[in-house]
N, C-alpha and C. Protein backbone atom coordinates (compact mmCIF):
# COMPACT_ATOMS: atom_id res chain seq x y z
N MET A 1 -20.31 26.14 71.31
CA MET A 1 -21.47 25.29 71.34
C MET A 1 -21.17 24.06 72.16
N SER A 2 -22.03 23.82 73.00
CA SER A 2 -21.84 22.60 73.78
C SER A 2 -23.15 21.85 73.81
N GLU A 3 -23.01 20.61 74.01
CA GLU A 3 -24.20 19.78 73.99
C GLU A 3 -23.99 18.65 75.00
N LYS A 4 -25.03 18.29 75.69
CA LYS A 4 -24.92 17.22 76.68
C LYS A 4 -25.38 15.92 76.08
N LYS A 5 -24.63 14.88 76.38
CA LYS A 5 -25.03 13.55 75.92
C LYS A 5 -26.01 12.96 76.91
N LYS A 6 -26.96 12.22 76.41
CA LYS A 6 -27.92 11.56 77.29
C LYS A 6 -27.22 10.49 78.11
N GLY A 7 -27.50 10.45 79.37
CA GLY A 7 -26.94 9.43 80.25
C GLY A 7 -25.51 9.73 80.64
N SER A 8 -25.02 10.90 80.32
CA SER A 8 -23.63 11.23 80.65
C SER A 8 -23.61 12.60 81.27
N THR A 9 -22.72 12.78 82.17
CA THR A 9 -22.61 14.06 82.83
C THR A 9 -21.54 14.94 82.17
N LYS A 10 -20.76 14.36 81.27
CA LYS A 10 -19.70 15.11 80.59
C LYS A 10 -20.29 15.92 79.45
N GLU A 11 -19.78 17.10 79.32
CA GLU A 11 -20.19 17.91 78.17
C GLU A 11 -19.21 17.66 77.04
N ARG A 12 -19.73 17.67 75.88
CA ARG A 12 -18.89 17.41 74.71
C ARG A 12 -18.98 18.61 73.79
N GLU A 13 -17.85 19.06 73.34
CA GLU A 13 -17.82 20.22 72.47
C GLU A 13 -17.69 19.76 71.03
N ILE A 14 -18.48 20.37 70.16
CA ILE A 14 -18.42 20.03 68.74
C ILE A 14 -17.50 21.05 68.06
N VAL A 15 -16.47 20.55 67.45
CA VAL A 15 -15.49 21.41 66.77
C VAL A 15 -15.65 21.19 65.27
N PRO A 16 -15.82 22.28 64.52
CA PRO A 16 -15.96 22.09 63.06
C PRO A 16 -14.66 21.53 62.49
N MET A 17 -14.78 20.63 61.49
CA MET A 17 -13.62 19.98 60.85
C MET A 17 -13.06 20.87 59.75
N LYS A 18 -11.76 20.96 59.72
CA LYS A 18 -11.11 21.69 58.64
C LYS A 18 -10.96 20.74 57.46
N PRO A 19 -11.18 21.25 56.24
CA PRO A 19 -11.01 20.35 55.09
C PRO A 19 -9.55 19.93 54.96
N LYS A 20 -9.36 18.71 54.48
CA LYS A 20 -8.01 18.20 54.31
C LYS A 20 -7.30 18.99 53.21
N ARG A 21 -6.05 19.22 53.44
CA ARG A 21 -5.26 19.96 52.46
C ARG A 21 -4.97 19.07 51.26
N ARG A 22 -5.23 19.60 50.08
CA ARG A 22 -4.98 18.85 48.85
C ARG A 22 -3.49 18.81 48.56
N GLU A 23 -3.04 17.68 48.11
CA GLU A 23 -1.64 17.59 47.69
C GLU A 23 -1.51 18.25 46.33
N GLU A 24 -0.38 18.92 46.14
CA GLU A 24 -0.17 19.58 44.84
C GLU A 24 0.04 18.54 43.76
N SER A 25 -0.50 18.82 42.59
CA SER A 25 -0.39 17.90 41.47
C SER A 25 1.01 17.96 40.88
N THR A 26 1.48 16.83 40.46
CA THR A 26 2.78 16.80 39.80
C THR A 26 2.65 17.13 38.32
N ILE A 27 1.45 17.20 37.83
CA ILE A 27 1.19 17.54 36.44
C ILE A 27 1.09 19.05 36.33
N THR A 28 1.95 19.64 35.51
CA THR A 28 1.91 21.09 35.33
C THR A 28 1.14 21.40 34.05
N PRO A 29 0.36 22.42 34.06
CA PRO A 29 -0.41 22.76 32.86
C PRO A 29 0.52 23.29 31.76
N TYR A 30 0.17 22.98 30.50
CA TYR A 30 0.95 23.44 29.35
C TYR A 30 0.57 24.87 29.00
N ARG A 31 1.58 25.64 28.64
CA ARG A 31 1.33 26.95 28.06
C ARG A 31 1.27 26.78 26.55
N THR A 32 0.67 27.74 25.86
CA THR A 32 0.55 27.66 24.40
C THR A 32 1.91 27.57 23.74
N SER A 33 2.88 28.33 24.24
CA SER A 33 4.21 28.31 23.64
C SER A 33 4.87 26.94 23.81
N ASP A 34 4.63 26.28 24.94
CA ASP A 34 5.20 24.94 25.15
C ASP A 34 4.63 23.94 24.15
N ILE A 35 3.35 24.03 23.91
CA ILE A 35 2.70 23.11 22.98
C ILE A 35 3.26 23.32 21.57
N ARG A 36 3.44 24.59 21.17
CA ARG A 36 4.01 24.87 19.85
C ARG A 36 5.42 24.32 19.73
N GLN A 37 6.24 24.49 20.76
CA GLN A 37 7.61 24.00 20.71
C GLN A 37 7.65 22.48 20.60
N GLU A 38 6.82 21.81 21.36
CA GLU A 38 6.76 20.35 21.29
C GLU A 38 6.31 19.89 19.91
N PHE A 39 5.33 20.59 19.35
CA PHE A 39 4.83 20.25 18.01
C PHE A 39 5.92 20.45 16.97
N ASP A 40 6.67 21.56 17.07
CA ASP A 40 7.77 21.82 16.14
C ASP A 40 8.85 20.74 16.25
N ARG A 41 9.18 20.33 17.47
CA ARG A 41 10.18 19.28 17.66
C ARG A 41 9.72 17.97 17.03
N ALA A 42 8.45 17.65 17.22
CA ALA A 42 7.92 16.40 16.65
C ALA A 42 7.96 16.45 15.13
N LEU A 43 7.60 17.58 14.55
CA LEU A 43 7.65 17.71 13.08
C LEU A 43 9.08 17.64 12.57
N ASP A 44 10.03 18.23 13.29
CA ASP A 44 11.44 18.16 12.88
C ASP A 44 11.94 16.71 12.89
N ARG A 45 11.56 15.97 13.94
CA ARG A 45 11.96 14.55 13.99
C ARG A 45 11.34 13.77 12.84
N LEU A 46 10.06 14.03 12.55
CA LEU A 46 9.37 13.34 11.47
C LEU A 46 10.01 13.65 10.13
N ARG A 47 10.32 14.94 9.90
CA ARG A 47 10.95 15.34 8.65
C ARG A 47 12.33 14.70 8.53
N GLY A 48 13.10 14.70 9.61
CA GLY A 48 14.43 14.08 9.58
C GLY A 48 14.36 12.60 9.27
N ASP A 49 13.38 11.91 9.85
CA ASP A 49 13.23 10.47 9.56
C ASP A 49 12.92 10.24 8.09
N PHE A 50 12.03 11.04 7.52
CA PHE A 50 11.71 10.89 6.10
C PHE A 50 12.91 11.20 5.23
N GLU A 51 13.68 12.23 5.58
CA GLU A 51 14.87 12.56 4.81
C GLU A 51 15.88 11.42 4.86
N ASN A 52 16.04 10.80 6.02
CA ASN A 52 16.96 9.67 6.12
C ASN A 52 16.52 8.50 5.25
N ILE A 53 15.21 8.30 5.13
CA ILE A 53 14.70 7.21 4.30
C ILE A 53 14.84 7.55 2.82
N LEU A 54 14.44 8.76 2.44
CA LEU A 54 14.42 9.13 1.02
C LEU A 54 15.79 9.48 0.45
N TRP A 55 16.63 10.17 1.23
CA TRP A 55 17.94 10.61 0.75
C TRP A 55 19.03 10.22 1.75
N PRO A 56 19.30 8.95 1.90
CA PRO A 56 20.27 8.54 2.92
C PRO A 56 21.69 9.03 2.61
N SER A 57 22.05 9.16 1.35
CA SER A 57 23.42 9.55 1.02
C SER A 57 23.72 10.97 1.48
N GLU A 58 22.75 11.88 1.41
CA GLU A 58 22.97 13.25 1.87
C GLU A 58 23.20 13.30 3.37
N ARG A 59 22.47 12.52 4.12
CA ARG A 59 22.64 12.49 5.57
C ARG A 59 24.00 11.90 5.94
N ILE A 60 24.46 10.89 5.21
CA ILE A 60 25.77 10.30 5.48
C ILE A 60 26.85 11.36 5.28
N PHE A 61 26.72 12.14 4.20
CA PHE A 61 27.69 13.21 3.92
C PHE A 61 27.72 14.21 5.07
N GLU A 62 26.55 14.61 5.57
CA GLU A 62 26.48 15.57 6.67
C GLU A 62 27.10 15.01 7.94
N ARG A 63 26.89 13.71 8.20
CA ARG A 63 27.45 13.11 9.41
C ARG A 63 28.98 13.01 9.34
N ARG A 64 29.50 12.67 8.15
CA ARG A 64 30.95 12.51 8.01
C ARG A 64 31.69 13.83 7.99
N PHE A 65 31.05 14.87 7.45
CA PHE A 65 31.68 16.18 7.33
C PHE A 65 30.81 17.25 7.98
N PRO A 66 30.70 17.24 9.29
CA PRO A 66 29.80 18.18 9.96
C PRO A 66 30.24 19.63 9.85
N MET A 67 31.52 19.87 9.60
CA MET A 67 32.02 21.24 9.52
C MET A 67 31.74 21.87 8.16
N MET A 68 31.40 21.06 7.18
CA MET A 68 31.13 21.59 5.84
C MET A 68 29.82 22.38 5.87
N ARG A 69 29.80 23.48 5.12
CA ARG A 69 28.60 24.31 5.05
C ARG A 69 27.51 23.57 4.29
N GLU A 70 26.32 23.66 4.80
CA GLU A 70 25.19 23.02 4.13
C GLU A 70 24.88 23.76 2.85
N PHE A 71 24.59 23.01 1.80
CA PHE A 71 24.23 23.63 0.53
C PHE A 71 22.80 24.11 0.65
N GLU A 72 22.60 25.37 0.38
CA GLU A 72 21.27 25.92 0.53
C GLU A 72 21.04 27.01 -0.52
N THR A 73 19.81 27.24 -0.81
CA THR A 73 19.46 28.31 -1.72
C THR A 73 19.17 29.54 -0.90
N ARG A 74 19.85 30.61 -1.21
CA ARG A 74 19.64 31.85 -0.47
C ARG A 74 18.76 32.77 -1.30
N LEU A 75 17.76 33.31 -0.65
CA LEU A 75 16.88 34.26 -1.31
C LEU A 75 17.16 35.65 -0.75
N PRO A 76 17.29 36.63 -1.63
CA PRO A 76 17.52 37.98 -1.11
C PRO A 76 16.28 38.52 -0.40
N SER A 77 16.53 39.29 0.64
CA SER A 77 15.43 39.95 1.35
C SER A 77 14.92 41.09 0.48
N ILE A 78 13.60 41.23 0.40
CA ILE A 78 13.00 42.22 -0.49
C ILE A 78 11.97 43.04 0.28
N ASP A 79 12.00 44.36 0.05
CA ASP A 79 10.98 45.27 0.56
C ASP A 79 10.32 45.94 -0.62
N LEU A 80 9.00 46.08 -0.57
CA LEU A 80 8.25 46.77 -1.62
C LEU A 80 7.48 47.90 -0.96
N GLU A 81 7.80 49.12 -1.38
CA GLU A 81 7.17 50.31 -0.80
C GLU A 81 6.30 51.00 -1.85
N ASP A 82 5.04 51.25 -1.50
CA ASP A 82 4.13 51.98 -2.37
C ASP A 82 4.28 53.47 -2.05
N ARG A 83 4.82 54.23 -3.01
CA ARG A 83 5.05 55.65 -2.78
C ARG A 83 4.02 56.53 -3.50
N GLY A 84 2.89 55.96 -3.85
CA GLY A 84 1.83 56.73 -4.51
C GLY A 84 1.92 56.64 -6.02
N LYS A 85 2.86 57.38 -6.61
CA LYS A 85 2.99 57.38 -8.07
C LYS A 85 3.86 56.23 -8.58
N ASP A 86 4.62 55.60 -7.69
CA ASP A 86 5.47 54.49 -8.09
C ASP A 86 5.71 53.53 -6.92
N PHE A 87 6.36 52.41 -7.23
CA PHE A 87 6.79 51.45 -6.23
C PHE A 87 8.30 51.52 -6.12
N LEU A 88 8.81 51.35 -4.92
CA LEU A 88 10.25 51.24 -4.71
C LEU A 88 10.51 49.84 -4.17
N LEU A 89 11.20 49.03 -4.98
CA LEU A 89 11.54 47.68 -4.59
C LEU A 89 13.01 47.68 -4.18
N THR A 90 13.31 47.22 -2.98
CA THR A 90 14.67 47.16 -2.46
C THR A 90 15.02 45.71 -2.18
N ALA A 91 16.13 45.25 -2.76
CA ALA A 91 16.57 43.87 -2.56
C ALA A 91 18.01 43.86 -2.06
N GLU A 92 18.28 43.01 -1.08
CA GLU A 92 19.63 42.88 -0.55
C GLU A 92 20.33 41.72 -1.26
N ILE A 93 21.35 42.06 -2.07
CA ILE A 93 22.09 41.04 -2.82
C ILE A 93 23.60 41.28 -2.66
N PRO A 94 24.13 41.09 -1.46
CA PRO A 94 25.54 41.36 -1.23
C PRO A 94 26.44 40.43 -2.03
N GLY A 95 27.55 41.00 -2.52
CA GLY A 95 28.53 40.21 -3.25
C GLY A 95 28.27 40.10 -4.74
N PHE A 96 27.15 40.60 -5.23
CA PHE A 96 26.84 40.53 -6.66
C PHE A 96 27.17 41.86 -7.32
N LYS A 97 27.75 41.78 -8.52
CA LYS A 97 28.02 42.98 -9.32
C LYS A 97 26.84 43.18 -10.26
N LYS A 98 26.74 44.39 -10.83
CA LYS A 98 25.59 44.67 -11.69
C LYS A 98 25.59 43.81 -12.95
N GLU A 99 26.77 43.33 -13.39
CA GLU A 99 26.83 42.46 -14.56
C GLU A 99 26.29 41.07 -14.26
N GLU A 100 26.22 40.70 -13.00
CA GLU A 100 25.78 39.37 -12.59
C GLU A 100 24.30 39.32 -12.24
N VAL A 101 23.62 40.45 -12.35
CA VAL A 101 22.20 40.53 -11.97
C VAL A 101 21.37 40.86 -13.21
N GLU A 102 20.26 40.14 -13.36
CA GLU A 102 19.33 40.38 -14.47
C GLU A 102 17.95 40.68 -13.91
N ILE A 103 17.33 41.75 -14.43
CA ILE A 103 16.01 42.17 -13.95
C ILE A 103 15.05 42.19 -15.14
N GLN A 104 13.90 41.58 -14.96
CA GLN A 104 12.85 41.64 -15.98
C GLN A 104 11.59 42.18 -15.33
N VAL A 105 11.07 43.27 -15.91
CA VAL A 105 9.87 43.90 -15.37
C VAL A 105 8.71 43.60 -16.31
N GLN A 106 7.64 43.08 -15.75
CA GLN A 106 6.41 42.83 -16.50
C GLN A 106 5.35 43.77 -15.98
N ASP A 107 4.16 43.75 -16.55
CA ASP A 107 3.10 44.66 -16.13
C ASP A 107 2.77 44.53 -14.64
N ASN A 108 2.71 43.30 -14.15
CA ASN A 108 2.29 43.09 -12.76
C ASN A 108 3.27 42.26 -11.93
N ALA A 109 4.52 42.13 -12.40
CA ALA A 109 5.51 41.32 -11.68
C ALA A 109 6.93 41.76 -12.03
N VAL A 110 7.85 41.41 -11.15
CA VAL A 110 9.28 41.69 -11.37
C VAL A 110 10.03 40.39 -11.09
N GLU A 111 10.95 40.05 -11.99
CA GLU A 111 11.81 38.89 -11.79
C GLU A 111 13.25 39.37 -11.64
N ILE A 112 13.91 38.88 -10.61
CA ILE A 112 15.31 39.24 -10.37
C ILE A 112 16.11 37.95 -10.29
N ARG A 113 17.15 37.88 -11.12
CA ARG A 113 18.04 36.71 -11.14
C ARG A 113 19.46 37.18 -10.90
N GLY A 114 20.22 36.37 -10.21
CA GLY A 114 21.63 36.64 -10.02
C GLY A 114 22.42 35.37 -10.15
N ASN A 115 23.56 35.44 -10.81
CA ASN A 115 24.40 34.27 -10.99
C ASN A 115 25.85 34.71 -11.02
N LYS A 116 26.65 34.16 -10.13
CA LYS A 116 28.08 34.47 -10.14
C LYS A 116 28.85 33.20 -9.87
N SER A 117 30.05 33.14 -10.42
CA SER A 117 30.90 31.98 -10.19
C SER A 117 32.35 32.45 -10.10
N ALA A 118 33.14 31.68 -9.41
CA ALA A 118 34.56 32.00 -9.25
C ALA A 118 35.36 30.72 -9.44
N ARG A 119 36.55 30.90 -9.98
CA ARG A 119 37.43 29.75 -10.21
C ARG A 119 38.84 30.16 -9.82
N HIS A 120 39.51 29.28 -9.11
CA HIS A 120 40.87 29.57 -8.66
C HIS A 120 41.72 28.33 -8.93
N ASP A 121 42.75 28.50 -9.73
CA ASP A 121 43.70 27.43 -10.01
C ASP A 121 45.07 27.83 -9.50
N GLU A 122 45.72 26.90 -8.84
CA GLU A 122 47.06 27.17 -8.32
C GLU A 122 47.93 25.95 -8.59
N LYS A 123 49.01 26.17 -9.29
CA LYS A 123 49.96 25.09 -9.57
C LYS A 123 51.28 25.45 -8.92
N VAL A 124 51.63 24.65 -7.95
CA VAL A 124 52.88 24.85 -7.23
C VAL A 124 53.64 23.53 -7.30
N LYS A 125 54.90 23.61 -7.17
CA LYS A 125 55.73 22.42 -7.25
C LYS A 125 55.23 21.38 -6.25
N GLY A 126 54.82 20.24 -6.75
CA GLY A 126 54.39 19.15 -5.88
C GLY A 126 52.88 18.99 -5.74
N TYR A 127 52.08 20.03 -6.07
CA TYR A 127 50.63 19.86 -5.96
C TYR A 127 49.90 20.85 -6.88
N VAL A 128 48.66 20.53 -7.14
CA VAL A 128 47.77 21.38 -7.93
C VAL A 128 46.51 21.59 -7.11
N ARG A 129 46.07 22.82 -7.03
CA ARG A 129 44.84 23.13 -6.30
C ARG A 129 43.88 23.84 -7.24
N LYS A 130 42.66 23.31 -7.33
CA LYS A 130 41.62 23.91 -8.15
C LYS A 130 40.37 24.07 -7.29
N GLU A 131 39.85 25.28 -7.26
CA GLU A 131 38.63 25.54 -6.50
C GLU A 131 37.64 26.26 -7.40
N ARG A 132 36.38 25.85 -7.28
CA ARG A 132 35.31 26.50 -8.03
C ARG A 132 34.15 26.73 -7.08
N SER A 133 33.50 27.85 -7.26
CA SER A 133 32.30 28.10 -6.46
C SER A 133 31.31 28.88 -7.31
N SER A 134 30.05 28.74 -6.97
CA SER A 134 29.02 29.50 -7.68
C SER A 134 27.88 29.79 -6.72
N GLU A 135 27.18 30.85 -7.01
CA GLU A 135 26.04 31.25 -6.19
C GLU A 135 25.01 31.86 -7.12
N SER A 136 23.77 31.53 -6.89
CA SER A 136 22.71 32.10 -7.72
C SER A 136 21.44 32.27 -6.89
N PHE A 137 20.55 33.12 -7.40
CA PHE A 137 19.26 33.29 -6.75
C PHE A 137 18.24 33.68 -7.82
N TYR A 138 16.98 33.53 -7.47
CA TYR A 138 15.87 33.92 -8.35
C TYR A 138 14.72 34.33 -7.46
N ARG A 139 14.14 35.47 -7.74
CA ARG A 139 12.94 35.93 -7.03
C ARG A 139 11.95 36.49 -8.04
N ARG A 140 10.70 36.16 -7.86
CA ARG A 140 9.60 36.74 -8.65
C ARG A 140 8.66 37.38 -7.65
N ILE A 141 8.41 38.69 -7.87
CA ILE A 141 7.57 39.45 -6.95
C ILE A 141 6.35 39.94 -7.72
N ARG A 142 5.17 39.56 -7.25
CA ARG A 142 3.92 40.06 -7.86
C ARG A 142 3.65 41.45 -7.32
N LEU A 143 3.27 42.32 -8.21
CA LEU A 143 2.99 43.71 -7.82
C LEU A 143 1.49 43.90 -7.65
N PRO A 144 1.07 44.74 -6.72
CA PRO A 144 -0.36 44.95 -6.49
C PRO A 144 -1.04 45.75 -7.60
N GLU A 145 -0.27 46.49 -8.40
CA GLU A 145 -0.82 47.28 -9.51
C GLU A 145 0.09 47.14 -10.71
N GLU A 146 -0.44 47.47 -11.89
CA GLU A 146 0.37 47.42 -13.10
C GLU A 146 1.33 48.60 -13.15
N VAL A 147 2.52 48.34 -13.73
CA VAL A 147 3.56 49.36 -13.80
C VAL A 147 3.96 49.60 -15.26
N LYS A 148 4.61 50.75 -15.49
CA LYS A 148 5.16 51.08 -16.81
C LYS A 148 6.52 50.41 -16.91
N THR A 149 6.61 49.40 -17.74
CA THR A 149 7.86 48.63 -17.81
C THR A 149 8.99 49.45 -18.44
N ALA A 150 8.66 50.32 -19.39
CA ALA A 150 9.70 51.08 -20.10
C ALA A 150 10.35 52.14 -19.21
N ASN A 151 9.67 52.64 -18.23
CA ASN A 151 10.20 53.73 -17.40
C ASN A 151 10.84 53.26 -16.09
N SER A 152 11.03 51.96 -15.94
CA SER A 152 11.61 51.43 -14.71
C SER A 152 13.10 51.73 -14.66
N GLU A 153 13.59 52.01 -13.45
CA GLU A 153 15.01 52.32 -13.25
C GLU A 153 15.56 51.46 -12.13
N ALA A 154 16.84 51.03 -12.28
CA ALA A 154 17.47 50.20 -11.26
C ALA A 154 18.83 50.78 -10.91
N ASN A 155 19.21 50.60 -9.64
CA ASN A 155 20.50 51.07 -9.16
C ASN A 155 21.01 50.04 -8.15
N LEU A 156 22.28 49.62 -8.30
CA LEU A 156 22.89 48.67 -7.38
C LEU A 156 24.10 49.32 -6.73
N LYS A 157 24.03 49.46 -5.41
CA LYS A 157 25.13 50.09 -4.68
C LYS A 157 25.30 49.40 -3.34
N ASP A 158 26.52 49.00 -3.02
CA ASP A 158 26.85 48.37 -1.75
C ASP A 158 25.98 47.15 -1.44
N GLY A 159 25.66 46.35 -2.45
CA GLY A 159 24.88 45.14 -2.24
C GLY A 159 23.40 45.35 -2.09
N VAL A 160 22.93 46.59 -2.31
CA VAL A 160 21.50 46.89 -2.21
C VAL A 160 20.99 47.33 -3.58
N LEU A 161 20.04 46.59 -4.11
CA LEU A 161 19.42 46.91 -5.40
C LEU A 161 18.16 47.71 -5.14
N GLU A 162 18.07 48.89 -5.77
CA GLU A 162 16.85 49.70 -5.67
C GLU A 162 16.24 49.79 -7.06
N LEU A 163 14.98 49.44 -7.15
CA LEU A 163 14.27 49.42 -8.42
C LEU A 163 13.03 50.30 -8.30
N VAL A 164 12.97 51.36 -9.13
CA VAL A 164 11.83 52.27 -9.13
C VAL A 164 10.91 51.85 -10.26
N LEU A 165 9.64 51.56 -9.92
CA LEU A 165 8.65 51.06 -10.88
C LEU A 165 7.47 52.03 -10.93
N PRO A 166 7.41 52.94 -11.93
CA PRO A 166 6.29 53.88 -12.01
C PRO A 166 4.98 53.15 -12.33
N LYS A 167 3.91 53.56 -11.69
CA LYS A 167 2.60 52.94 -11.91
C LYS A 167 1.99 53.43 -13.21
N LYS A 168 1.19 52.57 -13.86
CA LYS A 168 0.50 52.96 -15.09
C LYS A 168 -0.57 53.99 -14.79
N ALA A 169 -1.42 53.71 -13.84
CA ALA A 169 -2.50 54.63 -13.45
C ALA A 169 -2.53 54.67 -11.94
N PRO A 170 -1.78 55.60 -11.35
CA PRO A 170 -1.78 55.66 -9.89
C PRO A 170 -3.19 55.89 -9.35
N LYS A 171 -3.52 55.17 -8.32
CA LYS A 171 -4.83 55.33 -7.69
C LYS A 171 -4.80 56.56 -6.82
N SER A 172 -5.85 57.35 -6.92
CA SER A 172 -5.90 58.57 -6.12
C SER A 172 -6.30 58.24 -4.68
N LYS A 173 -5.77 59.02 -3.76
CA LYS A 173 -6.10 58.84 -2.35
C LYS A 173 -6.81 60.08 -1.87
N LYS A 174 -7.74 59.90 -0.96
CA LYS A 174 -8.47 61.02 -0.40
C LYS A 174 -8.40 60.91 1.12
N LYS A 175 -8.05 62.02 1.75
CA LYS A 175 -7.98 62.04 3.20
C LYS A 175 -9.39 62.27 3.73
N VAL A 176 -9.79 61.46 4.68
CA VAL A 176 -11.11 61.57 5.29
C VAL A 176 -10.94 62.08 6.71
N ASN A 177 -11.66 63.13 7.02
CA ASN A 177 -11.60 63.70 8.37
C ASN A 177 -12.54 62.96 9.30
N ILE A 178 -12.15 62.81 10.51
CA ILE A 178 -12.96 62.13 11.52
C ILE A 178 -13.86 63.15 12.19
N LYS A 179 -15.15 62.84 12.31
CA LYS A 179 -16.11 63.77 12.93
C LYS A 179 -16.15 63.60 14.41
C-alpha cells in the first residue's frame, strides 16, 4: 500500500506496527500442592510457637537431648474385613506377648489393650545400672454390625493379632445382573 502526501512528490509506505513484546512476569502462579505445603508449614510454625509457650520445659528437653527418642503413643494398625458371616479384625502389635494383650468384645465394638514393661538391673564393681521401660496401647473399634461376643476367637502370631467376630444376624446379599 502506498499513499501520496499532498504537496510532496515522495511516496510513503504504511507499515503495520507489530505489538510490543510483553515482558515475562516474575510472579509464578501457585499450584494447589504448593498452597497446601505452605499452609502446612504455617500451621506447624503456629503449633510449635504455642507448644513453646504452653510447655516450655518439654521443648528445652528436646533441644538439650536431640538424640533422645521422642515419647509418643503408638497405635497399632488395624484392618477390618467384612467376610459376610463374620468380621476379621487384624491388628499389628509387634513385640507383645499374648499375656500382655487384653481384648474385650461388645455387641458393636472391640477394645484392644496392650501393656508391657521391662526392667534391667546390673550391679558391677564400681557402678549400678538400672533401666526400666514400658509400652502400652489402647484401641477401640466400632463395628458396623452387632456381633456374637461369646463366639469370638483371637489368635496372636508373629506380632499380628487376628480376631474373628461372628455376626449376630448376617445381612443377606443379592447379586444384581446388569441389563
